[in-house]
C-alpha atoms as a PDB file:
ATOM      1  CA  MET A   1       8.504  -9.099   3.684  1.00  0.00           C
ATOM      2  CA  GLU A   2       4.725  -9.469   3.858  1.00  0.00           C
ATOM      3  CA  ALA A   3       4.757  -7.530   7.139  1.00  0.00           C
ATOM      4  CA  LEU A   4       6.635  -4.693   5.448  1.00  0.00           C
ATOM      5  CA  ILE A   5       4.035  -4.508   2.665  1.00  0.00           C
ATOM      6  CA  SER A   6       1.271  -4.576   5.255  1.00  0.00           C
ATOM      7  CA  ARG A   7       2.864  -1.687   7.156  1.00  0.00           C
ATOM      8  CA  LEU A   8       3.265   0.304   3.941  1.00  0.00           C
ATOM      9  CA  ASN A   9      -0.375  -0.321   3.113  1.00  0.00           C
ATOM     10  CA  ASN A  10      -1.482   0.831   6.577  1.00  0.00           C
ATOM     11  CA  ILE A  11       0.618   3.995   6.340  1.00  0.00           C
ATOM     12  CA  ILE A  12      -0.909   4.843   2.955  1.00  0.00           C
ATOM     13  CA  ILE A  13      -4.459   4.147   4.169  1.00  0.00           C
ATOM     14  CA  GLU A  14      -3.789   6.271   7.259  1.00  0.00           C
ATOM     15  CA  ALA A  15      -2.503   9.152   5.128  1.00  0.00           C
ATOM     16  CA  ASP A  16      -5.537   8.895   2.841  1.00  0.00           C
ATOM     17  CA  THR A  17      -7.924   8.832   5.783  1.00  0.00           C
ATOM     18  CA  ARG A  18      -6.382  12.024   7.131  1.00  0.00           C
ATOM     19  CA  GLN A  19      -6.890  13.672   3.748  1.00  0.00           C
ATOM     20  CA  GLY A  20     -10.438  12.363   3.552  1.00  0.00           C
ATOM     21  CA  LYS A  21      -9.785  10.159   0.530  1.00  0.00           C
ATOM     22  CA  PRO A  22     -11.050   6.574   0.288  1.00  0.00           C
ATOM     23  CA  PRO A  23      -8.168   4.088   0.767  1.00  0.00           C
ATOM     24  CA  CYS A  24      -9.145   2.191  -2.392  1.00  0.00           C
ATOM     25  CA  MET A  25      -7.679   5.013  -4.482  1.00  0.00           C
ATOM     26  CA  ASN A  26      -4.234   3.655  -3.681  1.00  0.00           C
ATOM     27  CA  SER A  27      -4.981  -0.026  -4.313  1.00  0.00           C
ATOM     28  CA  ARG A  28      -3.405   0.057  -7.779  1.00  0.00           C
ATOM     29  CA  PHE A  29      -0.297   1.676  -6.322  1.00  0.00           C
ATOM     30  CA  MET A  30      -0.095  -0.979  -3.593  1.00  0.00           C
ATOM     31  CA  ASN A  31      -0.535  -3.766  -6.149  1.00  0.00           C
ATOM     32  CA  SER A  32       2.413  -2.448  -8.132  1.00  0.00           C
ATOM     33  CA  ILE A  33       4.520  -2.374  -4.949  1.00  0.00           C
ATOM     34  CA  ARG A  34       3.494  -5.986  -4.225  1.00  0.00           C
ATOM     35  CA  ASP A  35       4.473  -6.991  -7.763  1.00  0.00           C
ATOM     36  CA  ILE A  36       7.869  -5.297  -7.417  1.00  0.00           C
ATOM     37  CA  VAL A  37       8.495  -7.026  -4.080  1.00  0.00           C
ATOM     38  CA  LYS A  38       7.470 -10.429  -5.468  1.00  0.00           C
ATOM     39  CA  HIS A  39       9.847 -10.055  -8.407  1.00  0.00           C
ATOM     40  CA  LYS A  40      12.699  -9.121  -6.046  1.00  0.00           C
ATOM     41  CA  LEU A  41      12.110 -12.360  -4.128  1.00  0.00           C
END
């Protein structure tokens, strides 16, 4: 499950880099995904 989150994070960072946005803009979004995943476990 941690690997899945890591891959999601990398995909989002990659997409942001292509658009020229700093990856940190999505950190709040990633934290909410992590929270959702933790609650599912």
